[in-house]
Protein backbone atom coordinates (compact mmCIF):
# COMPACT_ATOMS: atom_id res chain seq x y z
CA MET A 1 -44.85 104.47 -19.81
CA LEU A 2 -41.58 102.58 -20.29
CA SER A 3 -42.63 101.74 -23.86
CA SER A 4 -39.19 102.78 -25.12
CA VAL A 5 -37.68 99.83 -23.25
CA PHE A 6 -39.71 97.31 -25.24
CA GLU A 7 -40.36 98.90 -28.62
CA ARG A 8 -37.12 97.45 -30.02
CA PHE A 9 -38.32 93.92 -29.32
CA VAL A 10 -42.05 94.12 -30.09
CA LYS A 11 -41.73 93.00 -33.71
CA GLU A 12 -39.47 90.06 -32.93
CA SER A 13 -40.80 88.93 -29.55
CA PRO A 14 -44.53 88.97 -28.74
CA ILE A 15 -43.77 88.33 -25.07
CA SER A 16 -42.25 91.81 -24.93
CA VAL A 17 -45.68 93.20 -25.78
CA MET A 18 -47.21 91.34 -22.84
CA ALA A 19 -44.45 92.53 -20.54
CA SER A 20 -44.93 96.09 -21.74
CA VAL A 21 -48.63 96.01 -20.93
CA LEU A 22 -48.05 94.53 -17.49
CA MET A 23 -45.27 97.03 -16.67
CA SER A 24 -47.49 99.88 -17.83
CA HIS A 25 -50.14 98.67 -15.41
CA ILE A 26 -47.72 98.35 -12.51
CA PHE A 27 -46.28 101.84 -13.08
CA ALA A 28 -49.54 103.47 -14.18
CA ARG A 29 -49.60 107.24 -13.76
CA GLU A 30 -52.69 107.16 -11.57
CA ARG A 31 -51.07 104.61 -9.28
CA MET A 32 -47.81 106.55 -8.97
CA ASP A 33 -49.61 109.81 -8.13
CA SER A 34 -51.85 108.02 -5.63
CA LEU A 35 -48.79 106.47 -3.97
CA PHE A 36 -47.26 109.92 -3.62
CA GLU A 37 -50.40 111.41 -2.10
CA LYS A 38 -50.61 108.54 0.37
CA HIS A 39 -47.03 108.65 1.66
CA ALA A 40 -45.83 112.24 1.19
CA ALA A 41 -45.98 114.22 4.44
CA PHE A 42 -44.82 117.67 3.35
CA LEU A 43 -44.51 117.87 -0.42
CA TYR A 44 -47.37 118.34 -2.84
CA GLN A 45 -48.00 117.83 -6.55
CA GLN A 46 -48.62 120.84 -8.72
CA ASP A 47 -47.08 121.44 -12.15
CA LEU A 48 -44.85 118.37 -12.02
CA LEU A 49 -46.57 115.15 -11.00
CA PHE A 50 -44.73 112.33 -9.24
CA SER A 51 -45.68 109.99 -12.09
CA THR A 52 -43.81 112.25 -14.52
CA GLN A 53 -40.72 112.12 -12.32
CA VAL A 54 -40.90 108.31 -12.24
CA ASP A 55 -41.31 108.29 -16.02
CA LEU A 56 -38.20 110.44 -16.54
CA MET A 57 -36.12 108.46 -14.05
CA SER A 58 -37.13 105.19 -15.74
CA LEU A 59 -35.47 106.41 -18.94
CA VAL A 60 -32.20 106.85 -17.02
CA VAL A 61 -32.45 103.65 -14.97
CA CYS A 62 -33.13 101.55 -18.07
CA GLY A 63 -30.24 103.14 -19.96
CA ILE A 64 -32.37 104.82 -22.63
CA GLN A 65 -31.04 108.24 -21.58
CA LYS A 66 -27.61 108.86 -20.06
CA SER A 67 -28.73 111.38 -17.45
CA VAL A 68 -31.74 113.13 -15.94
CA HIS A 69 -30.90 116.21 -17.99
CA ALA A 70 -30.86 114.15 -21.20
CA ALA A 71 -34.22 112.62 -20.27
CA TYR A 72 -35.60 116.09 -19.59
CA LYS A 73 -34.48 117.36 -23.00
CA ALA A 74 -36.07 114.35 -24.69
CA LYS A 75 -39.38 115.09 -22.95
CA ALA A 76 -39.09 118.89 -22.69
CA VAL A 77 -41.88 119.58 -25.17
CA ALA A 78 -44.38 117.72 -22.98
CA LEU A 79 -43.19 119.27 -19.71
CA SER A 80 -44.29 122.62 -18.32
CA VAL A 81 -41.43 123.08 -15.82
CA SER A 82 -37.78 124.05 -16.10
CA VAL A 83 -34.94 121.59 -15.62
CA THR A 84 -34.06 123.42 -12.39
CA SER A 85 -37.56 122.80 -11.04
CA LEU A 86 -37.26 119.14 -12.02
CA TYR A 87 -34.02 118.71 -10.07
CA LYS A 88 -35.51 120.45 -7.04
CA LYS A 89 -38.48 118.10 -7.13
CA LEU A 90 -36.28 115.02 -7.44
CA CYS A 91 -34.03 116.17 -4.60
CA GLY A 92 -37.04 116.81 -2.38
CA ILE A 93 -38.73 113.42 -2.70
CA GLU A 94 -39.29 112.17 0.83
CA LEU A 95 -37.66 108.91 1.88
CA GLU A 96 -41.02 107.38 2.76
CA VAL A 97 -42.22 107.91 -0.81
CA SER A 98 -39.14 106.23 -2.30
CA GLN A 99 -39.49 103.34 0.13
CA ALA A 100 -43.18 102.90 -0.67
CA LEU A 101 -42.44 102.93 -4.40
CA VAL A 102 -40.02 100.00 -4.03
CA ARG A 103 -42.27 98.04 -1.67
CA GLU A 104 -45.52 98.37 -3.60
CA THR A 105 -44.20 97.83 -7.11
CA SER A 106 -41.93 94.93 -6.11
CA ARG A 107 -44.96 92.87 -5.07
CA ASP A 108 -46.48 93.13 -8.55
CA LEU A 109 -43.13 92.69 -10.27
CA MET A 110 -42.55 89.50 -8.28
CA TRP A 111 -45.91 88.20 -9.46
CA LEU A 112 -44.85 89.03 -13.02
CA VAL A 113 -41.58 87.12 -12.62
CA GLN A 114 -43.49 84.13 -11.24
CA LEU A 115 -46.02 84.29 -14.09
CA MET A 116 -43.23 84.20 -16.67
CA GLY A 117 -41.41 81.36 -14.90
CA GLY A 118 -38.37 83.47 -14.14
CA GLU A 119 -37.79 82.49 -10.51
CA LYS A 120 -34.57 80.78 -9.48
CA THR A 121 -34.38 77.59 -7.44
CA ASP A 122 -34.62 77.96 -3.66
CA VAL A 123 -31.21 78.10 -2.02
CA LEU A 124 -32.73 76.87 1.25
CA PRO A 125 -35.99 75.05 0.50
CA GLY A 126 -38.68 75.74 3.08
CA TYR A 127 -37.26 79.11 4.12
CA CYS A 128 -38.12 82.61 2.94
CA LEU A 129 -34.58 83.82 2.26
CA LYS A 130 -33.71 87.49 1.79
CA ILE A 131 -30.32 89.10 1.20
CA VAL A 132 -29.67 92.35 3.08
CA ASP A 133 -26.83 94.63 2.04
CA GLY A 134 -25.77 98.21 2.60
CA THR A 135 -24.75 100.55 -0.19
CA CYS A 136 -23.46 104.09 -0.61
CA LEU A 137 -25.08 106.34 -3.21
CA ALA A 138 -21.67 107.44 -4.42
CA SER A 139 -22.79 108.56 -7.89
CA THR A 140 -24.83 111.37 -6.30
CA ASP A 141 -21.81 112.85 -4.50
CA HIS A 142 -21.79 116.41 -5.90
CA ARG A 143 -20.33 119.52 -4.36
CA LEU A 144 -22.96 121.70 -2.70
CA ASN A 145 -22.78 125.47 -3.05
CA GLU A 146 -22.67 125.85 0.73
CA ILE A 147 -19.44 123.86 1.11
CA ARG A 148 -17.49 124.78 -2.03
CA SER A 149 -15.28 127.11 0.03
CA VAL A 150 -14.01 124.25 2.22
CA ALA A 151 -11.87 121.25 1.36
CA ALA A 152 -14.23 118.55 2.58
CA CYS A 153 -17.12 117.44 0.40
CA ALA A 154 -20.50 116.14 1.52
CA LEU A 155 -20.77 112.44 2.17
CA PRO A 156 -23.27 110.56 0.01
CA GLY A 157 -26.38 109.00 1.47
CA LYS A 158 -26.62 105.30 2.23
CA ALA A 159 -29.28 102.64 2.00
CA ILE A 160 -30.00 99.14 3.22
CA VAL A 161 -31.36 97.10 0.33
CA VAL A 162 -33.33 93.86 0.61
CA LEU A 163 -32.99 91.43 -2.31
CA ASP A 164 -35.17 88.42 -3.01
CA PRO A 165 -32.73 85.83 -4.45
CA ARG A 166 -35.41 83.84 -6.26
CA SER A 167 -36.80 86.70 -8.33
CA LYS A 168 -33.62 88.85 -8.24
CA LEU A 169 -35.84 91.79 -7.28
CA VAL A 170 -35.17 94.44 -4.68
CA THR A 171 -38.23 94.12 -2.46
CA ASP A 172 -37.47 96.76 0.16
CA ILE A 173 -35.12 99.67 0.82
CA PHE A 174 -34.21 101.63 3.93
CA PRO A 175 -32.64 104.93 2.80
CA ILE A 176 -30.36 106.96 5.09
CA GLU A 177 -29.88 110.68 4.50
CA ASP A 178 -27.08 111.05 7.04
CA GLY A 179 -23.84 110.28 5.21
CA HIS A 180 -22.02 109.81 8.55
CA ALA A 181 -24.41 107.12 9.77
CA GLN A 182 -23.58 103.43 9.50
CA GLU A 183 -25.99 101.07 7.80
CA ARG A 184 -26.26 99.16 11.08
CA SER A 185 -28.10 102.14 12.59
CA LEU A 186 -31.20 101.06 10.65
CA PHE A 187 -31.06 97.38 11.49
CA ASP A 188 -33.69 97.75 14.21
CA GLU A 189 -36.06 99.06 11.55
CA VAL A 190 -35.17 96.17 9.24
CA ILE A 191 -35.80 93.60 12.00
CA SER A 192 -39.05 95.34 12.90
CA GLN A 193 -40.22 94.99 9.30
CA VAL A 194 -39.30 91.29 9.29
CA LYS A 195 -41.23 90.70 12.54
CA SER A 196 -44.31 92.53 11.26
CA ARG A 197 -44.36 90.37 8.14
CA LEU A 198 -43.90 87.20 10.18
CA SER A 199 -46.85 88.18 12.36
CA MET A 200 -48.96 88.62 9.20
CA VAL A 201 -47.98 85.14 8.00
CA TRP A 202 -48.42 83.32 11.30
CA GLY A 203 -51.23 85.46 12.71
C-alpha cells in the first residue's frame, strides 16, 4: 500500500525504501479492517473492505490520482464493485471510524517522524502544545438530488482539527456532520479528550 508514493525515489534514496516499509506497516490492510470492525456501529464489510477504501483515498490524498473516480479506474481490474457502490461506501463511513483512523495512525506516524529526526523545536519548552483549528469541508459541497429543485444548496460539514506543531501531524479530528453547527459546539468534547489524556499522564 502507498508504494506508488515512494517508487519514484527508491532508486535514488534508500531512506524512501525504509519509509515505504514503515508506512506499509502503519496502514496494513489487516490493521485498517480491524480498526473498522472495532469502531463501526452500523456498517459492515462485505465486497469492499475498509482497507481498500483507505488505499484508494491515499492515491487521491497523495496527489497520485486527481479524484476518487480516477483512482477507481486505475484499480478497477482488482475491484469487484461498481464506482457507485464505492461512493456509497465512502459517504457512509461513520464519523467514529474516521476519527479512530486519524488517532491510531498518528501515534505511529509521530514515532516515525521522531525516528527520522524530523521534529521541530519546541515553541514552549516544557509544555505539550497543540494547535486546534476549525475547518469547513468545502470541496465536498455538491448538490444533492433532494434539493436540486430549490435555490439553496447543502452546507458542507465541518471539523475541528488538532495539530502537533513539532511533528506537523494532525493527531486528532472531531468531525461535524451538521453544516449549520459552529465548531465551538464540539469544544466540550475536545476539552474532555484533553482532560482524559492528562489523567493518563498524571494518574
